[in-house]
N, C-alpha and C. Protein backbone atom coordinates (compact mmCIF):
# COMPACT_ATOMS: atom_id res chain seq x y z
N MET A 1 41.03 -14.42 -27.24
CA MET A 1 40.50 -13.57 -28.37
C MET A 1 40.29 -12.38 -28.08
N GLY A 2 40.07 -11.31 -29.35
CA GLY A 2 39.78 -9.94 -28.92
C GLY A 2 41.10 -9.29 -28.83
N ARG A 3 40.84 -7.75 -28.49
CA ARG A 3 41.58 -6.83 -28.41
C ARG A 3 41.79 -6.82 -26.94
N PRO A 4 43.52 -6.50 -26.70
CA PRO A 4 43.91 -6.78 -25.37
C PRO A 4 43.39 -5.41 -24.74
N ARG A 5 43.17 -5.40 -23.19
CA ARG A 5 42.99 -4.24 -22.57
C ARG A 5 44.18 -3.50 -21.91
N ALA A 6 44.20 -2.31 -21.95
CA ALA A 6 45.29 -1.52 -21.59
C ALA A 6 45.62 -1.99 -20.16
N VAL A 7 44.49 -1.74 -19.14
CA VAL A 7 44.75 -2.21 -17.65
C VAL A 7 43.54 -3.29 -17.38
N ALA A 8 43.74 -3.75 -16.62
CA ALA A 8 42.81 -4.76 -15.88
C ALA A 8 41.60 -4.12 -15.39
N ARG A 9 40.35 -4.21 -15.63
CA ARG A 9 39.27 -3.39 -14.96
C ARG A 9 38.17 -4.52 -14.39
N THR A 10 37.28 -4.03 -13.53
CA THR A 10 35.99 -4.62 -13.26
C THR A 10 35.18 -5.35 -14.45
N GLU A 11 34.81 -6.03 -14.64
CA GLU A 11 33.94 -6.71 -15.43
C GLU A 11 32.44 -5.75 -15.49
N THR A 12 32.31 -5.09 -16.75
CA THR A 12 30.85 -4.34 -16.47
C THR A 12 30.03 -5.24 -17.56
N GLY A 13 30.21 -5.65 -18.39
CA GLY A 13 29.05 -6.24 -19.27
C GLY A 13 29.32 -5.36 -20.79
N LEU A 14 29.88 -4.10 -20.71
CA LEU A 14 30.01 -3.37 -21.62
C LEU A 14 31.13 -3.70 -22.83
N SER A 15 30.61 -3.57 -24.00
CA SER A 15 31.44 -4.03 -25.04
C SER A 15 32.64 -2.86 -25.32
N PRO A 16 33.86 -2.96 -25.92
CA PRO A 16 34.75 -2.08 -25.78
C PRO A 16 34.11 -0.59 -26.60
N ARG A 17 33.42 -0.82 -27.30
CA ARG A 17 32.72 0.50 -27.99
C ARG A 17 32.13 1.20 -26.58
N GLU A 18 31.40 0.44 -26.27
CA GLU A 18 30.56 0.93 -24.92
C GLU A 18 31.33 1.34 -23.79
N GLU A 19 32.21 0.78 -23.78
CA GLU A 19 33.14 1.37 -22.42
C GLU A 19 33.82 2.68 -22.81
N LEU A 20 34.11 2.92 -24.03
CA LEU A 20 34.85 4.06 -24.45
C LEU A 20 33.64 5.27 -24.67
N LEU A 21 32.46 4.84 -24.99
CA LEU A 21 31.51 6.13 -24.70
C LEU A 21 31.13 6.52 -23.21
N ALA A 22 31.43 5.13 -22.33
CA ALA A 22 31.28 5.51 -21.03
C ALA A 22 32.11 6.39 -20.48
N ALA A 23 33.51 6.11 -21.03
CA ALA A 23 34.26 6.84 -20.37
C ALA A 23 34.46 8.30 -20.75
N ALA A 24 34.12 8.30 -22.04
CA ALA A 24 34.03 9.80 -22.76
C ALA A 24 33.02 10.49 -22.16
N ALA A 25 31.92 9.74 -21.74
CA ALA A 25 30.55 10.60 -20.98
C ALA A 25 31.38 11.09 -19.64
N GLU A 26 31.83 10.49 -18.92
CA GLU A 26 32.55 10.78 -17.78
C GLU A 26 33.58 11.86 -17.91
N LEU A 27 34.37 11.46 -18.57
CA LEU A 27 35.35 12.90 -18.51
C LEU A 27 34.89 14.00 -19.44
N PHE A 28 33.99 13.98 -20.42
CA PHE A 28 33.71 15.41 -20.76
C PHE A 28 32.81 15.88 -20.15
N THR A 29 31.85 15.23 -19.11
CA THR A 29 31.12 16.16 -18.28
C THR A 29 31.71 16.44 -17.20
N VAL A 30 32.66 15.77 -16.55
CA VAL A 30 33.43 16.00 -15.37
C VAL A 30 34.64 17.11 -15.80
N ASN A 31 35.47 16.68 -16.71
CA ASN A 31 36.53 17.47 -16.87
C ASN A 31 36.46 18.55 -17.89
N GLY A 32 35.63 18.61 -18.76
CA GLY A 32 35.51 19.12 -19.94
C GLY A 32 36.02 18.75 -21.30
N TYR A 33 35.38 18.85 -22.20
CA TYR A 33 35.66 18.29 -23.64
C TYR A 33 37.19 18.70 -23.91
N SER A 34 37.42 19.87 -24.00
CA SER A 34 38.45 20.49 -24.62
C SER A 34 39.80 19.90 -23.40
N ALA A 35 39.63 19.39 -22.31
CA ALA A 35 40.80 19.25 -21.45
C ALA A 35 40.75 17.76 -21.49
N THR A 36 40.20 17.23 -22.20
CA THR A 36 40.26 15.62 -22.08
C THR A 36 40.95 15.15 -23.64
N THR A 37 41.72 14.30 -23.48
CA THR A 37 42.51 13.58 -24.48
C THR A 37 41.81 12.31 -24.56
N THR A 38 42.23 11.96 -25.93
CA THR A 38 41.99 10.49 -26.30
C THR A 38 42.53 9.45 -25.67
N ARG A 39 43.91 9.79 -25.24
CA ARG A 39 44.67 9.03 -24.41
C ARG A 39 43.88 8.78 -23.12
N GLU A 40 43.38 9.95 -22.45
CA GLU A 40 42.70 9.83 -21.06
C GLU A 40 41.51 9.05 -21.25
N VAL A 41 40.50 9.04 -22.72
CA VAL A 41 39.41 8.43 -22.60
C VAL A 41 39.70 6.72 -22.98
N ALA A 42 41.01 6.37 -23.56
CA ALA A 42 41.28 4.90 -23.61
C ALA A 42 41.40 4.35 -22.43
N GLU A 43 42.39 5.26 -21.71
CA GLU A 43 42.75 4.64 -20.41
C GLU A 43 41.70 4.67 -19.27
N ARG A 44 40.93 5.40 -19.28
CA ARG A 44 39.72 5.34 -18.45
C ARG A 44 39.11 4.28 -18.64
N ALA A 45 38.67 3.79 -20.01
CA ALA A 45 38.22 2.73 -20.75
C ALA A 45 38.81 1.54 -20.46
N GLY A 46 39.90 1.61 -20.22
CA GLY A 46 40.82 0.22 -19.90
C GLY A 46 41.26 -0.51 -21.22
N ILE A 47 41.30 0.53 -22.25
CA ILE A 47 41.58 0.11 -23.53
C ILE A 47 42.76 0.63 -24.37
N ARG A 48 43.84 0.03 -25.10
CA ARG A 48 44.65 0.71 -25.38
C ARG A 48 44.41 1.92 -26.45
N GLN A 49 44.98 2.73 -26.57
CA GLN A 49 44.57 3.96 -27.29
C GLN A 49 44.74 3.63 -29.09
N ALA A 50 45.78 2.78 -29.49
CA ALA A 50 45.45 2.11 -30.71
C ALA A 50 44.39 1.56 -30.90
N THR A 51 43.92 0.92 -30.02
CA THR A 51 42.68 -0.10 -30.06
C THR A 51 41.40 1.10 -30.12
N MET A 52 41.51 2.05 -29.33
CA MET A 52 40.31 3.36 -29.53
C MET A 52 39.87 3.49 -31.00
N TYR A 53 41.02 3.84 -31.84
CA TYR A 53 41.07 4.11 -33.35
C TYR A 53 40.03 2.93 -34.09
N HIS A 54 39.79 1.91 -33.55
CA HIS A 54 39.03 0.83 -34.22
C HIS A 54 38.01 0.87 -34.24
N TYR A 55 37.36 1.85 -32.91
CA TYR A 55 36.22 1.75 -32.83
C TYR A 55 35.75 3.44 -33.03
N PHE A 56 36.45 4.26 -32.92
CA PHE A 56 36.14 5.67 -33.07
C PHE A 56 37.25 6.56 -33.41
N LYS A 57 37.37 7.28 -34.54
CA LYS A 57 38.56 7.93 -35.27
C LYS A 57 39.07 8.95 -34.65
N GLY A 58 38.34 9.45 -33.24
CA GLY A 58 38.88 10.63 -32.71
C GLY A 58 38.00 11.09 -31.28
N LYS A 59 38.11 12.08 -30.87
CA LYS A 59 37.73 12.72 -29.77
C LYS A 59 36.22 13.51 -30.26
N GLU A 60 36.11 14.00 -31.44
CA GLU A 60 34.68 14.38 -32.07
C GLU A 60 33.89 13.48 -32.12
N GLU A 61 34.57 12.41 -32.82
CA GLU A 61 33.45 10.91 -33.02
C GLU A 61 32.80 10.51 -31.97
N LEU A 62 33.25 10.49 -30.89
CA LEU A 62 32.81 10.20 -29.51
C LEU A 62 31.71 11.40 -28.97
N LEU A 63 32.22 12.51 -29.09
CA LEU A 63 31.23 13.54 -28.81
C LEU A 63 30.22 13.58 -29.74
N ALA A 64 30.21 13.39 -30.86
CA ALA A 64 29.16 13.21 -32.01
C ALA A 64 28.28 12.21 -31.64
N GLU A 65 28.65 10.89 -31.04
CA GLU A 65 27.76 10.10 -30.51
C GLU A 65 27.06 9.96 -29.39
N LEU A 66 27.56 10.88 -28.51
CA LEU A 66 27.13 11.10 -27.10
C LEU A 66 26.07 12.08 -27.22
N LEU A 67 26.46 12.66 -28.27
CA LEU A 67 25.22 14.02 -28.34
C LEU A 67 24.19 13.31 -28.93
N ALA A 68 24.30 12.64 -30.15
CA ALA A 68 22.99 12.02 -30.75
C ALA A 68 22.45 11.04 -30.07
N SER A 69 23.09 10.26 -28.88
CA SER A 69 22.38 9.60 -28.14
C SER A 69 21.40 10.21 -27.20
N THR A 70 21.53 11.41 -27.09
CA THR A 70 20.31 12.08 -26.05
C THR A 70 19.25 12.56 -27.02
N VAL A 71 19.30 12.38 -28.21
CA VAL A 71 17.92 12.85 -28.99
C VAL A 71 17.24 11.53 -29.82
N ARG A 72 18.05 10.73 -30.25
CA ARG A 72 17.42 9.72 -31.00
C ARG A 72 16.34 8.54 -30.56
N PRO A 73 16.28 8.34 -28.86
CA PRO A 73 15.46 7.96 -28.58
C PRO A 73 14.14 8.64 -28.38
N SER A 74 14.41 9.91 -28.18
CA SER A 74 12.96 10.93 -28.14
C SER A 74 12.59 10.91 -29.52
N LEU A 75 13.30 10.96 -30.47
CA LEU A 75 12.99 11.27 -31.80
C LEU A 75 11.91 9.94 -32.62
N GLU A 76 12.60 8.80 -31.90
CA GLU A 76 11.71 7.43 -32.42
C GLU A 76 10.55 7.51 -31.57
N ALA A 77 10.73 7.94 -30.19
CA ALA A 77 9.26 7.84 -29.66
C ALA A 77 8.42 9.11 -30.16
N ALA A 78 8.68 9.84 -30.51
CA ALA A 78 7.94 10.92 -31.16
C ALA A 78 7.12 10.19 -32.61
N ARG A 79 8.27 9.57 -33.10
CA ARG A 79 7.38 8.78 -34.76
C ARG A 79 6.49 7.86 -34.09
N LEU A 80 6.66 7.18 -33.12
CA LEU A 80 5.46 6.49 -32.74
C LEU A 80 4.52 7.00 -32.14
N LEU A 81 4.43 7.96 -31.61
CA LEU A 81 3.46 8.74 -30.95
C LEU A 81 2.52 9.53 -31.98
N ALA A 82 3.67 9.71 -33.28
CA ALA A 82 2.74 10.59 -34.32
C ALA A 82 1.56 9.84 -34.72
N ALA A 83 1.71 8.44 -34.61
CA ALA A 83 1.07 7.02 -35.45
C ALA A 83 -0.22 7.13 -34.62
N SER A 84 -0.26 7.64 -33.20
CA SER A 84 -1.46 7.02 -32.25
C SER A 84 -2.61 7.88 -32.29
N ASP A 85 -3.72 7.37 -32.04
CA ASP A 85 -5.01 8.18 -32.53
C ASP A 85 -5.32 9.05 -30.95
N SER A 86 -4.23 8.73 -30.00
CA SER A 86 -5.05 9.55 -28.88
C SER A 86 -4.77 11.21 -29.01
N PRO A 87 -5.48 11.72 -28.23
CA PRO A 87 -5.21 13.33 -28.13
C PRO A 87 -4.07 13.81 -28.20
N ALA A 88 -3.82 14.50 -29.19
CA ALA A 88 -2.51 15.34 -29.14
C ALA A 88 -1.98 15.88 -28.06
N GLY A 89 -2.63 16.34 -26.95
CA GLY A 89 -2.40 16.83 -25.52
C GLY A 89 -1.64 15.57 -24.92
N ALA A 90 -2.15 14.30 -25.15
CA ALA A 90 -1.53 13.41 -24.51
C ALA A 90 -0.43 12.74 -25.06
N ARG A 91 -0.25 12.67 -26.09
CA ARG A 91 0.96 12.58 -26.94
C ARG A 91 1.98 13.23 -26.68
N LEU A 92 1.73 14.68 -26.50
CA LEU A 92 2.98 15.74 -26.18
C LEU A 92 3.27 15.60 -24.59
N TRP A 93 2.31 15.14 -24.08
CA TRP A 93 2.92 14.82 -22.34
C TRP A 93 3.64 13.82 -22.37
N ALA A 94 3.18 12.48 -22.94
CA ALA A 94 4.15 11.59 -23.26
C ALA A 94 5.51 11.82 -23.78
N LEU A 95 5.49 12.47 -25.00
CA LEU A 95 7.00 12.96 -25.55
C LEU A 95 7.75 13.81 -24.64
N ALA A 96 7.05 14.70 -23.83
CA ALA A 96 7.97 15.46 -23.08
C ALA A 96 8.26 14.75 -21.78
N HIS A 97 7.48 13.64 -21.21
CA HIS A 97 7.89 12.95 -20.37
C HIS A 97 9.17 11.97 -20.62
N ARG A 98 9.18 11.14 -21.66
CA ARG A 98 10.07 10.45 -22.28
C ARG A 98 11.38 11.25 -22.47
N ASP A 99 11.25 12.53 -23.01
CA ASP A 99 12.45 13.30 -23.34
C ASP A 99 13.00 13.60 -22.18
N ALA A 100 12.36 14.20 -21.03
CA ALA A 100 12.84 14.64 -19.80
C ALA A 100 13.63 13.52 -18.98
N ALA A 101 12.71 12.32 -19.12
CA ALA A 101 13.57 11.33 -18.42
C ALA A 101 14.45 10.59 -18.93
N LEU A 102 15.00 10.68 -20.23
CA LEU A 102 16.06 10.37 -20.89
C LEU A 102 17.38 11.56 -20.40
N LEU A 103 16.90 12.95 -20.44
CA LEU A 103 17.65 13.88 -20.12
C LEU A 103 17.99 14.05 -18.59
N CYS A 104 17.29 13.05 -17.88
CA CYS A 104 17.67 13.24 -16.42
C CYS A 104 18.23 11.72 -15.83
N SER A 105 18.02 10.67 -16.82
CA SER A 105 18.58 9.41 -16.21
C SER A 105 20.01 9.33 -16.72
N GLY A 106 20.75 8.42 -16.56
CA GLY A 106 21.90 8.22 -16.68
C GLY A 106 22.96 8.83 -15.85
N GLU A 107 24.38 8.01 -15.25
CA GLU A 107 25.06 8.40 -14.58
C GLU A 107 25.49 10.23 -14.77
N HIS A 108 25.59 10.47 -16.12
CA HIS A 108 26.47 11.59 -16.25
C HIS A 108 25.49 12.37 -17.28
N ASN A 109 25.37 13.58 -16.87
CA ASN A 109 24.54 14.83 -17.50
C ASN A 109 25.08 15.24 -19.02
N LEU A 110 24.75 14.10 -19.62
CA LEU A 110 25.04 14.22 -21.03
C LEU A 110 24.27 15.55 -21.95
N GLY A 111 23.36 16.19 -21.61
CA GLY A 111 22.52 17.32 -21.97
C GLY A 111 23.55 18.38 -21.72
N ALA A 112 24.49 18.60 -21.00
CA ALA A 112 25.40 19.73 -20.71
C ALA A 112 26.05 19.89 -21.86
N LEU A 113 26.32 18.65 -22.58
CA LEU A 113 27.29 18.77 -23.55
C LEU A 113 26.41 19.55 -25.02
N TYR A 114 25.33 19.92 -24.79
CA TYR A 114 24.82 20.75 -25.75
C TYR A 114 25.35 22.24 -25.51
N LEU A 115 25.91 22.43 -24.28
CA LEU A 115 26.08 24.02 -24.35
C LEU A 115 27.52 24.16 -24.56
N LEU A 116 28.31 23.01 -25.19
CA LEU A 116 29.82 23.15 -25.57
C LEU A 116 29.75 24.02 -27.16
N PRO A 117 30.57 24.84 -27.11
CA PRO A 117 30.53 25.38 -28.38
C PRO A 117 30.82 24.66 -29.58
N GLU A 118 31.56 23.46 -29.43
CA GLU A 118 31.79 22.53 -30.17
C GLU A 118 30.45 21.75 -30.90
N ALA A 119 29.45 21.69 -30.23
CA ALA A 119 28.17 20.90 -30.44
C ALA A 119 27.68 21.60 -31.59
N ASP A 120 27.97 23.11 -31.94
CA ASP A 120 27.34 23.62 -33.10
C ASP A 120 27.88 22.90 -34.48
N ARG A 121 29.00 22.26 -34.41
CA ARG A 121 29.70 22.08 -35.58
C ARG A 121 29.15 20.68 -36.01
N PHE A 122 28.17 19.61 -35.30
CA PHE A 122 28.06 18.51 -35.54
C PHE A 122 26.58 18.55 -36.30
N LEU A 123 26.46 18.80 -37.73
CA LEU A 123 25.27 18.98 -38.32
C LEU A 123 24.17 17.88 -38.18
N ASP A 124 24.89 16.75 -37.99
CA ASP A 124 23.81 15.39 -37.83
C ASP A 124 22.65 15.60 -36.66
N PHE A 125 23.78 16.03 -35.37
CA PHE A 125 23.17 16.34 -34.32
C PHE A 125 22.15 17.23 -34.38
N GLN A 126 22.63 18.40 -35.34
CA GLN A 126 21.71 19.55 -35.20
C GLN A 126 20.48 19.26 -36.18
N GLU A 127 20.75 18.31 -36.98
CA GLU A 127 19.36 18.20 -37.64
C GLU A 127 18.53 16.77 -36.55
N LEU A 128 19.08 16.27 -36.16
CA LEU A 128 18.15 15.39 -35.07
C LEU A 128 17.48 16.30 -33.97
N ARG A 129 18.06 17.15 -33.56
CA ARG A 129 17.22 18.38 -32.82
C ARG A 129 16.14 19.31 -33.53
N THR A 130 16.62 19.20 -34.73
CA THR A 130 15.73 20.22 -35.52
C THR A 130 14.25 19.48 -35.72
N ALA A 131 14.50 18.00 -36.00
CA ALA A 131 13.56 17.09 -36.44
C ALA A 131 12.47 16.89 -34.88
N LEU A 132 13.35 16.86 -33.89
CA LEU A 132 12.76 16.72 -32.65
C LEU A 132 11.60 17.96 -32.49
N LYS A 133 12.42 19.27 -32.59
CA LYS A 133 11.64 20.32 -32.25
C LYS A 133 10.50 20.58 -33.39
N ALA A 134 10.88 19.67 -34.38
CA ALA A 134 9.62 19.79 -35.27
C ALA A 134 8.42 18.81 -34.86
N ALA A 135 8.73 17.90 -34.19
CA ALA A 135 7.56 16.67 -33.88
C ALA A 135 7.13 17.45 -32.67
N TYR A 136 7.68 18.12 -31.97
CA TYR A 136 6.94 18.70 -30.49
C TYR A 136 5.86 20.07 -31.14
N ALA A 137 6.32 20.46 -32.39
CA ALA A 137 5.43 21.59 -33.10
C ALA A 137 4.44 20.84 -33.54
N GLY A 138 4.62 19.94 -34.16
CA GLY A 138 3.62 19.15 -34.46
C GLY A 138 2.51 18.49 -33.56
N LEU A 139 2.95 18.28 -32.59
CA LEU A 139 1.81 17.64 -31.49
C LEU A 139 1.35 18.85 -30.85
N LEU A 140 2.24 19.70 -30.63
CA LEU A 140 1.32 21.00 -30.25
C LEU A 140 0.33 21.73 -31.17
N ALA A 141 0.35 21.64 -32.56
CA ALA A 141 -0.62 22.26 -33.59
C ALA A 141 -1.68 22.35 -33.23
N PRO A 142 -2.52 20.86 -32.94
CA PRO A 142 -4.09 21.17 -32.62
C PRO A 142 -4.32 21.98 -31.43
N ILE A 143 -3.36 22.11 -30.56
CA ILE A 143 -3.59 22.68 -29.24
C ILE A 143 -3.57 24.46 -29.47
N VAL A 144 -2.77 24.58 -30.20
CA VAL A 144 -2.78 26.17 -30.81
C VAL A 144 -3.01 26.64 -32.14
N ALA A 145 -4.20 25.92 -32.24
CA ALA A 145 -4.54 26.19 -33.91
C ALA A 145 -4.94 27.62 -34.14
N GLY A 146 -5.72 27.98 -33.09
CA GLY A 146 -6.66 28.95 -32.84
C GLY A 146 -5.70 30.58 -32.92
N LEU A 147 -4.57 30.43 -32.73
CA LEU A 147 -3.72 31.36 -32.39
C LEU A 147 -2.89 31.95 -33.20
N PRO A 148 -2.22 33.10 -33.56
CA PRO A 148 -1.39 33.49 -34.70
C PRO A 148 -0.34 32.51 -34.93
N GLN A 149 0.29 32.78 -36.18
CA GLN A 149 1.42 32.23 -36.55
C GLN A 149 2.87 32.15 -35.40
N THR A 150 2.82 33.38 -35.10
CA THR A 150 4.34 33.83 -34.34
C THR A 150 3.82 33.48 -32.79
N GLU A 151 2.54 33.33 -32.56
CA GLU A 151 2.18 32.93 -31.15
C GLU A 151 2.44 31.12 -31.09
N ARG A 152 1.90 30.58 -32.30
CA ARG A 152 2.30 29.18 -32.10
C ARG A 152 3.65 28.78 -32.27
N ASP A 153 4.38 29.53 -33.16
CA ASP A 153 5.92 29.20 -32.93
C ASP A 153 6.67 29.44 -31.46
N LEU A 154 6.15 30.40 -31.04
CA LEU A 154 6.82 31.02 -29.54
C LEU A 154 6.38 29.88 -28.81
N ARG A 155 4.98 29.16 -28.88
CA ARG A 155 4.80 28.26 -27.77
C ARG A 155 5.51 26.92 -28.15
N ALA A 156 5.49 26.64 -29.28
CA ALA A 156 6.58 25.55 -29.66
C ALA A 156 7.75 25.73 -29.15
N GLU A 157 8.66 26.55 -29.05
CA GLU A 157 10.03 27.01 -28.96
C GLU A 157 9.86 27.03 -27.19
N LEU A 158 8.65 27.48 -26.48
CA LEU A 158 8.82 27.49 -25.16
C LEU A 158 8.81 25.99 -24.61
N VAL A 159 7.78 25.25 -25.20
CA VAL A 159 7.43 23.68 -24.53
C VAL A 159 8.85 23.00 -25.06
N TYR A 160 9.53 23.23 -25.89
CA TYR A 160 10.80 22.57 -26.18
C TYR A 160 11.67 22.96 -25.07
N SER A 161 12.25 24.34 -24.82
CA SER A 161 13.05 24.85 -23.60
C SER A 161 12.46 24.34 -22.55
N VAL A 162 11.17 24.09 -22.27
CA VAL A 162 10.82 23.52 -20.71
C VAL A 162 11.51 22.27 -20.61
N VAL A 163 11.33 21.30 -21.76
CA VAL A 163 11.94 19.95 -21.58
C VAL A 163 13.43 20.07 -21.42
N GLU A 164 14.25 20.85 -21.99
CA GLU A 164 15.42 21.22 -21.99
C GLU A 164 15.87 21.81 -20.91
N SER A 165 14.99 22.36 -20.11
CA SER A 165 15.41 22.82 -18.77
C SER A 165 16.27 21.85 -17.68
N VAL A 166 15.67 20.91 -18.07
CA VAL A 166 16.14 19.78 -16.83
C VAL A 166 17.53 19.47 -17.08
N ILE A 167 18.11 19.88 -18.14
CA ILE A 167 19.78 20.02 -18.35
C ILE A 167 20.52 20.72 -17.23
N LEU A 168 19.97 22.04 -17.05
CA LEU A 168 20.52 22.75 -16.36
C LEU A 168 19.92 22.65 -14.79
N ILE A 169 18.80 22.16 -14.67
CA ILE A 169 18.47 21.66 -13.22
C ILE A 169 19.52 20.76 -12.67
N ARG A 170 19.74 19.89 -13.65
CA ARG A 170 20.62 18.68 -13.27
C ARG A 170 22.01 19.14 -12.89
N ARG A 171 22.47 20.22 -13.70
CA ARG A 171 23.70 20.67 -13.21
C ARG A 171 23.67 21.21 -11.80
N ASN A 172 22.72 21.61 -11.39
CA ASN A 172 22.92 22.28 -10.11
C ASN A 172 22.39 21.59 -8.81
N ALA A 173 21.94 20.35 -9.35
CA ALA A 173 21.43 19.40 -8.37
C ALA A 173 22.41 17.80 -8.32
N SER A 174 22.59 17.53 -7.39
CA SER A 174 23.23 16.37 -7.27
C SER A 174 22.87 15.03 -7.78
N ALA A 175 21.59 15.13 -7.43
CA ALA A 175 20.54 14.13 -8.22
C ALA A 175 19.11 14.56 -8.17
N LEU A 176 18.45 13.70 -9.30
CA LEU A 176 17.30 13.97 -9.53
C LEU A 176 16.31 12.61 -9.27
N ALA A 177 14.93 12.98 -8.53
CA ALA A 177 13.86 12.06 -8.72
C ALA A 177 13.41 11.93 -10.13
N VAL A 178 13.99 10.69 -11.03
CA VAL A 178 13.68 10.65 -12.75
C VAL A 178 12.06 10.85 -13.12
N GLU A 179 11.57 9.92 -12.24
CA GLU A 179 9.68 9.96 -12.47
C GLU A 179 9.49 11.41 -12.34
N ALA A 180 9.55 11.69 -11.12
CA ALA A 180 8.95 13.15 -10.46
C ALA A 180 9.19 13.91 -11.53
N MET A 181 10.62 14.55 -11.76
CA MET A 181 11.01 15.36 -12.64
C MET A 181 10.23 15.41 -14.17
N ALA A 182 10.07 14.22 -14.52
CA ALA A 182 9.75 13.91 -16.08
C ALA A 182 8.35 14.25 -15.85
N GLU A 183 7.65 13.80 -15.06
CA GLU A 183 6.13 14.38 -14.75
C GLU A 183 5.78 15.85 -14.90
N ALA A 184 6.47 16.38 -14.00
CA ALA A 184 6.59 17.95 -13.63
C ALA A 184 6.60 18.46 -14.89
N VAL A 185 7.66 18.23 -15.66
CA VAL A 185 7.90 18.47 -16.98
C VAL A 185 7.23 18.46 -17.94
N ALA A 186 6.27 17.21 -18.08
CA ALA A 186 5.25 17.11 -19.08
C ALA A 186 4.09 18.01 -18.39
N ASP A 187 4.05 18.05 -17.22
CA ASP A 187 2.83 18.95 -16.92
C ASP A 187 2.93 20.07 -17.43
N ALA A 188 4.16 20.73 -17.10
CA ALA A 188 4.85 22.24 -17.28
C ALA A 188 4.90 22.31 -18.85
N ALA A 189 5.13 21.58 -19.65
CA ALA A 189 4.99 21.58 -21.36
C ALA A 189 3.61 21.79 -21.58
N LEU A 190 2.76 21.03 -21.14
CA LEU A 190 1.21 21.11 -21.53
C LEU A 190 0.61 22.48 -21.16
N ARG A 191 1.15 23.01 -19.95
CA ARG A 191 0.89 24.38 -19.64
C ARG A 191 1.35 25.24 -20.35
N VAL A 192 2.39 25.34 -20.77
CA VAL A 192 3.10 26.47 -21.37
C VAL A 192 2.58 26.46 -23.07
N GLY A 193 2.10 25.37 -23.27
CA GLY A 193 1.33 24.87 -24.70
C GLY A 193 0.04 25.59 -24.77
N GLY A 194 -0.47 25.71 -23.51
CA GLY A 194 -2.21 26.23 -23.92
C GLY A 194 -2.98 25.50 -23.25
N VAL A 195 -2.57 24.13 -22.69
CA VAL A 195 -3.64 23.15 -22.16
C VAL A 195 -4.13 24.04 -20.92
N GLY A 196 -5.61 23.89 -20.56
CA GLY A 196 -6.17 24.36 -18.99
C GLY A 196 -5.89 23.42 -18.02
N GLU A 197 -6.05 23.73 -16.85
CA GLU A 197 -5.68 22.99 -15.66
C GLU A 197 -7.04 22.18 -15.82
N GLY A 198 -8.01 22.17 -16.36
CA GLY A 198 -9.24 21.54 -16.25
C GLY A 198 -8.93 20.29 -17.09
N ASP A 199 -8.53 20.36 -17.88
CA ASP A 199 -7.83 19.27 -18.97
C ASP A 199 -6.60 18.21 -18.72
N LEU A 200 -5.70 19.05 -17.89
CA LEU A 200 -4.43 18.48 -17.57
C LEU A 200 -4.52 16.85 -17.23
N ALA A 201 -5.23 16.94 -15.92
CA ALA A 201 -5.27 15.93 -15.36
C ALA A 201 -5.86 14.36 -16.21
N HIS A 202 -6.61 14.75 -17.04
CA HIS A 202 -7.45 13.44 -18.09
C HIS A 202 -5.99 13.41 -19.23
N LEU A 203 -5.35 14.53 -19.75
CA LEU A 203 -4.33 14.32 -21.06
C LEU A 203 -3.25 13.60 -19.99
N ARG A 204 -2.94 13.73 -18.72
CA ARG A 204 -1.68 13.10 -17.96
C ARG A 204 -2.19 11.73 -18.16
N GLU A 205 -3.16 11.23 -17.69
CA GLU A 205 -3.68 9.76 -17.47
C GLU A 205 -3.62 9.15 -18.82
N LEU A 206 -3.78 9.86 -19.86
CA LEU A 206 -4.01 9.34 -21.20
C LEU A 206 -2.56 9.48 -21.81
N GLY A 207 -1.65 10.19 -21.54
CA GLY A 207 -0.04 10.15 -21.62
C GLY A 207 0.44 9.20 -21.10
N ARG A 208 0.26 8.74 -19.55
CA ARG A 208 0.86 7.67 -18.95
C ARG A 208 0.60 6.63 -19.79
N ALA A 209 -0.61 6.37 -20.38
CA ALA A 209 -1.10 4.94 -20.87
C ALA A 209 -0.05 4.64 -22.05
N LEU A 210 0.53 6.06 -22.70
CA LEU A 210 1.40 5.97 -23.81
C LEU A 210 2.97 5.38 -23.57
N LEU A 211 3.15 5.54 -22.45
CA LEU A 211 4.37 5.62 -21.99
C LEU A 211 4.76 3.74 -21.92
N PRO A 212 5.99 3.57 -22.20
CA PRO A 212 6.36 2.25 -22.07
C PRO A 212 5.99 1.36 -20.96
N GLY A 213 5.17 0.28 -21.13
CA GLY A 213 4.53 -0.54 -19.96
C GLY A 213 3.39 0.30 -19.45
N GLY A 214 2.91 1.52 -20.02
CA GLY A 214 1.79 2.03 -19.56
C GLY A 214 0.58 1.46 -19.75
């Protein structure tokens, strides 16, 4: 039953589509996007190249899905947090924590794909990032309400940049302690946003309660 594999592989429990994405994630981050061919992706996944096109039209579609997978969960979390009646600082902490944890986790540093020149061509991905930036700005707004608009905009950009800094940190480190990094990033995001040290501990505690299982 099903489509035959090109080579026998250890059973992973992944569907063929997931196998292809896992293979592309490895090859794109290790060897580079331009240097990777669809044949190599199919071979790494243990799937015939012709079968691969049943799931993805080509290399660009694989990259588009991998890029989107680094943003969609955080954007969904932002939408859920927006509906919470917790203080904005706690919600901002929780979003930064979840976003940083997503970028830190996983076998491969998919966030590094943001740095590819090809990433700018994927409008759906750029729209997701724009929506996530707007979610950060919305959670930050009550904290910086008394500042001039230019300063509020700058703070929002800085908060978002602090979270995405884990992408570069991960490139220079063989492994990251995900929970410790996520907490440090979330704390830093609040500090950059203008939360004082006297309020940080309380907002961190409230933010933890907003995390899955919190």
